[in-house]
Amino acid sequence: MRLGCQFHWQNKNYHNFDDFLSTLTSQKRKKIKRERRMVREQGIELEVLHGNEMSEAQWDVYHQFYSSTFTRKSGYATLSKDFFMEIGESMASNVVVVLGRYQGEYIAGAFNLRSDDTLYGRHWGCVEEYSGLHFEVCYYRGIEYCIAKGIKRFEAGAQGEFKVRRGFRPVLTRSAHWIAAEEFRPIVADFVAREHAAVVAHMDEMNAHLPFRGERH
């Protein structure tokens, strides 16, 4: 068994985004409002679309954003535009795409999948960096979507301690692995045991910096 840490936002039956903000400390609330205001002041417009609302041209530009992220990180984009278009049609209501546009041109996008009670944030990409845009596209619009649709949880994935400051809680995850090579089992077991302690310590540290008013663990 291996432990990990992800960051999840939880919907406490909020009426709107301001209702969610009211649960945060004044400092964190002001920071989020400032980040969202910067996006608006730069003249960036946002669209939130389900899979069947995406045109082929929009899928084309989103796939460019998706591929560019792997290019910058020396990775390989394994999913084709046809793949996104296919699930956009076959899983229309489960696909949620956030697109950012500046002066009529798309500049950023994030791909999400949803179930009845959870939104799963996944791939993000952009043509260049804009102040606050990553947080708006990947997190704040997702939170707004969850509130509007009554979705209980937004899983933003692993990594990124900055998510805690924006209302995402650290959550312990577990995975089970079978090691085929017997000689490696004790080595892996030793590593996992030491990693377990590090993950728990990391969780404790993140919980000590939760941004909610009057809440520390």
Protein backbone atom coordinates (compact mmCIF):
# COMPACT_ATOMS: atom_id res chain seq x y z
CA MET A 1 0.00 0.00 0.00
CA ARG A 2 1.23 3.46 -0.91
CA LEU A 3 -0.03 6.80 0.43
CA GLY A 4 -0.29 10.01 -1.57
CA CYS A 5 -1.72 13.48 -1.24
CA GLN A 6 -4.18 15.29 -3.51
CA PHE A 7 -6.05 18.58 -3.14
CA HIS A 8 -9.86 18.60 -3.20
CA TRP A 9 -12.39 21.41 -2.89
CA GLN A 10 -15.58 20.57 -1.01
CA ASN A 11 -18.95 22.15 -1.69
CA LYS A 12 -20.65 23.06 1.60
CA ASN A 13 -23.91 23.81 -0.19
CA TYR A 14 -22.67 27.25 -1.20
CA HIS A 15 -25.17 29.54 -2.95
CA ASN A 16 -22.51 31.29 -5.07
CA PHE A 17 -18.79 32.04 -5.22
CA ASP A 18 -19.06 34.90 -2.73
CA ASP A 19 -20.73 32.53 -0.29
CA PHE A 20 -17.67 30.28 -0.55
CA LEU A 21 -15.32 33.27 -0.15
CA SER A 22 -17.08 34.26 3.05
CA THR A 23 -15.70 31.11 4.71
CA LEU A 24 -12.08 32.21 4.11
CA THR A 25 -9.91 34.52 6.14
CA SER A 26 -9.96 38.17 5.09
CA GLN A 27 -6.43 38.01 3.67
CA LYS A 28 -7.11 34.97 1.49
CA ARG A 29 -10.49 36.34 0.40
CA LYS A 30 -8.91 39.60 -0.77
CA LYS A 31 -6.16 37.76 -2.63
CA ILE A 32 -8.62 35.65 -4.61
CA LYS A 33 -10.76 38.69 -5.45
CA ARG A 34 -7.64 40.50 -6.64
CA GLU A 35 -6.58 37.57 -8.84
CA ARG A 36 -10.03 37.39 -10.45
CA ARG A 37 -10.12 41.15 -10.94
CA MET A 38 -6.74 41.08 -12.71
CA VAL A 39 -8.13 38.63 -15.27
CA ARG A 40 -11.10 40.90 -15.99
CA GLU A 41 -8.92 44.03 -16.17
CA GLN A 42 -6.72 42.38 -18.77
CA GLY A 43 -9.81 42.06 -20.97
CA ILE A 44 -9.87 38.25 -20.87
CA GLU A 45 -13.24 36.54 -21.39
CA LEU A 46 -14.01 33.03 -20.13
CA GLU A 47 -16.29 30.33 -21.56
CA VAL A 48 -17.38 27.13 -19.82
CA LEU A 49 -18.61 24.52 -22.33
CA HIS A 50 -19.80 20.93 -22.22
CA GLY A 51 -18.41 18.47 -24.75
CA ASN A 52 -21.26 18.77 -27.25
CA GLU A 53 -21.04 22.58 -27.13
CA MET A 54 -17.46 22.54 -28.44
CA SER A 55 -16.90 23.10 -32.15
CA GLU A 56 -14.13 21.35 -34.07
CA ALA A 57 -12.26 24.67 -34.24
CA GLN A 58 -12.45 24.97 -30.44
CA TRP A 59 -11.22 21.40 -29.98
CA ASP A 60 -8.39 22.18 -32.37
CA VAL A 61 -7.23 25.20 -30.37
CA TYR A 62 -7.68 23.37 -27.06
CA HIS A 63 -5.55 20.48 -28.33
CA GLN A 64 -2.83 23.00 -29.19
CA PHE A 65 -2.90 24.21 -25.57
CA TYR A 66 -2.84 20.62 -24.30
CA SER A 67 0.11 19.69 -26.53
CA SER A 68 2.07 22.85 -25.71
CA THR A 69 2.15 21.96 -22.01
CA PHE A 70 3.91 18.67 -22.76
CA THR A 71 6.27 20.39 -25.20
CA ARG A 72 7.36 22.91 -22.56
CA LYS A 73 7.95 20.11 -20.05
CA SER A 74 9.75 17.83 -22.53
CA GLY A 75 6.90 15.35 -22.46
CA TYR A 76 4.74 13.70 -25.10
CA ALA A 77 1.08 14.51 -25.76
CA THR A 78 -0.50 11.05 -26.00
CA LEU A 79 -4.14 12.12 -26.59
CA SER A 80 -5.19 13.19 -30.09
CA LYS A 81 -7.69 15.88 -31.07
CA ASP A 82 -9.93 13.09 -32.40
CA PHE A 83 -9.94 11.51 -28.95
CA PHE A 84 -11.18 14.73 -27.32
CA MET A 85 -13.79 15.22 -30.04
CA GLU A 86 -15.00 11.63 -29.65
CA ILE A 87 -15.55 11.79 -25.90
CA GLY A 88 -16.95 15.30 -26.31
CA GLU A 89 -19.79 13.68 -28.25
CA SER A 90 -20.08 10.30 -26.53
CA MET A 91 -19.70 11.74 -23.00
CA ALA A 92 -21.12 15.18 -23.72
CA SER A 93 -22.43 16.06 -20.26
CA ASN A 94 -19.35 14.60 -18.54
CA VAL A 95 -16.84 16.78 -20.42
CA VAL A 96 -16.36 20.35 -19.15
CA VAL A 97 -13.92 22.68 -20.92
CA VAL A 98 -12.95 26.16 -19.74
CA LEU A 99 -11.57 28.44 -22.47
CA GLY A 100 -10.01 31.89 -22.08
CA ARG A 101 -10.16 34.43 -24.92
CA TYR A 102 -8.33 37.72 -25.44
CA GLN A 103 -9.20 40.15 -28.23
CA GLY A 104 -11.19 37.46 -30.02
CA GLU A 105 -8.44 34.82 -29.87
CA TYR A 106 -8.33 31.82 -27.54
CA ILE A 107 -5.30 31.97 -25.27
CA ALA A 108 -5.83 29.22 -22.65
CA GLY A 109 -7.94 26.22 -21.79
CA ALA A 110 -8.53 23.55 -19.16
CA PHE A 111 -10.14 20.12 -19.61
CA ASN A 112 -12.28 18.56 -16.89
CA LEU A 113 -14.38 15.44 -16.49
CA ARG A 114 -17.37 15.20 -14.16
CA SER A 115 -19.61 12.61 -12.56
CA ASP A 116 -22.83 13.32 -10.71
CA ASP A 117 -20.99 14.45 -7.58
CA THR A 118 -17.37 15.19 -8.56
CA LEU A 119 -15.49 17.41 -11.00
CA TYR A 120 -12.04 16.13 -11.99
CA GLY A 121 -9.61 18.80 -13.16
CA ARG A 122 -7.05 17.57 -15.66
CA HIS A 123 -5.17 19.12 -18.59
CA TRP A 124 -4.34 22.83 -18.87
CA GLY A 125 -2.44 24.84 -21.49
CA CYS A 126 -1.93 28.41 -22.69
CA VAL A 127 -0.13 30.42 -25.37
CA GLU A 128 1.51 32.78 -22.86
CA GLU A 129 1.26 33.73 -19.20
CA TYR A 130 -1.33 36.26 -18.00
CA SER A 131 -1.67 37.42 -14.41
CA GLY A 132 -4.11 35.23 -12.50
CA LEU A 133 -5.28 33.33 -15.59
CA HIS A 134 -4.14 29.87 -14.51
CA PHE A 135 -6.02 30.13 -11.22
CA GLU A 136 -9.16 31.47 -12.93
CA VAL A 137 -9.28 28.83 -15.66
CA CYS A 138 -8.19 25.82 -13.62
CA TYR A 139 -9.75 26.51 -10.21
CA TYR A 140 -12.14 29.42 -9.80
CA ARG A 141 -14.32 28.65 -12.81
CA GLY A 142 -14.40 25.01 -11.73
CA ILE A 143 -15.54 26.00 -8.26
CA GLU A 144 -18.26 28.22 -9.76
CA TYR A 145 -19.36 25.33 -11.98
CA CYS A 146 -19.61 22.97 -8.99
CA ILE A 147 -21.68 25.47 -7.02
CA ALA A 148 -24.03 26.11 -9.95
CA LYS A 149 -24.51 22.38 -10.67
CA GLY A 150 -24.64 21.17 -7.08
CA ILE A 151 -21.48 19.10 -7.46
CA LYS A 152 -20.03 18.15 -4.08
CA ARG A 153 -16.31 17.83 -4.79
CA PHE A 154 -13.69 19.26 -7.13
CA GLU A 155 -10.55 17.13 -7.36
CA ALA A 156 -7.73 19.31 -8.63
CA GLY A 157 -5.14 16.52 -8.54
CA ALA A 158 -1.75 16.13 -6.91
CA GLN A 159 0.98 18.70 -6.39
CA GLY A 160 0.59 22.43 -6.00
CA GLU A 161 0.49 23.47 -2.36
CA PHE A 162 -0.77 26.86 -3.60
CA LYS A 163 -4.16 25.15 -4.01
CA VAL A 164 -4.56 25.08 -0.21
CA ARG A 165 -4.51 28.89 -0.08
CA ARG A 166 -7.41 28.87 -2.55
CA GLY A 167 -9.73 26.61 -0.60
CA PHE A 168 -8.58 23.11 -1.61
CA ARG A 169 -7.98 20.70 1.25
CA PRO A 170 -5.17 18.11 1.33
CA VAL A 171 -6.68 14.62 1.11
CA LEU A 172 -4.91 11.33 1.73
CA THR A 173 -5.00 8.88 -1.19
CA ARG A 174 -4.12 5.19 -1.27
CA SER A 175 -2.98 2.83 -3.99
CA ALA A 176 -2.11 -0.86 -3.96
CA HIS A 177 0.86 -2.30 -5.88
CA TRP A 178 2.15 -5.81 -6.49
CA ILE A 179 5.91 -6.11 -7.05
CA ALA A 180 6.63 -9.02 -9.36
CA ALA A 181 10.38 -9.24 -8.71
CA GLU A 182 10.80 -10.72 -5.22
CA GLU A 183 14.27 -9.23 -4.75
CA PHE A 184 12.84 -5.72 -5.11
CA ARG A 185 9.97 -6.17 -2.64
CA PRO A 186 11.91 -5.36 0.56
CA ILE A 187 13.58 -2.39 -1.14
CA VAL A 188 10.26 -0.96 -2.32
CA ALA A 189 8.64 -1.71 1.05
CA ASP A 190 11.37 0.23 2.83
CA PHE A 191 10.93 3.21 0.53
CA VAL A 192 7.13 3.17 0.88
CA ALA A 193 7.39 3.06 4.69
CA ARG A 194 9.68 6.12 4.71
CA GLU A 195 7.50 7.87 2.13
CA HIS A 196 4.42 7.15 4.27
CA ALA A 197 5.90 9.16 7.15
CA ALA A 198 6.84 12.02 4.80
CA VAL A 199 3.33 12.15 3.28
CA VAL A 200 1.67 12.26 6.71
CA ALA A 201 4.04 15.05 7.81
CA HIS A 202 3.28 16.95 4.61
CA MET A 203 -0.46 16.58 5.21
CA ASP A 204 -0.09 17.94 8.74
CA GLU A 205 1.85 20.94 7.46
CA MET A 206 -0.74 21.70 4.78
CA ASN A 207 -3.62 21.39 7.27
CA ALA A 208 -1.87 23.93 9.48
CA HIS A 209 -2.23 26.49 6.68
CA LEU A 210 -5.90 26.04 5.76
CA PRO A 211 -7.40 29.40 4.72
CA PHE A 212 -10.78 28.92 6.39
CA ARG A 213 -11.83 31.25 9.20
CA GLY A 214 -11.27 29.70 12.60
CA GLU A 215 -10.18 26.34 11.17
CA ARG A 216 -6.81 24.77 11.83
CA HIS A 217 -6.05 21.06 12.36
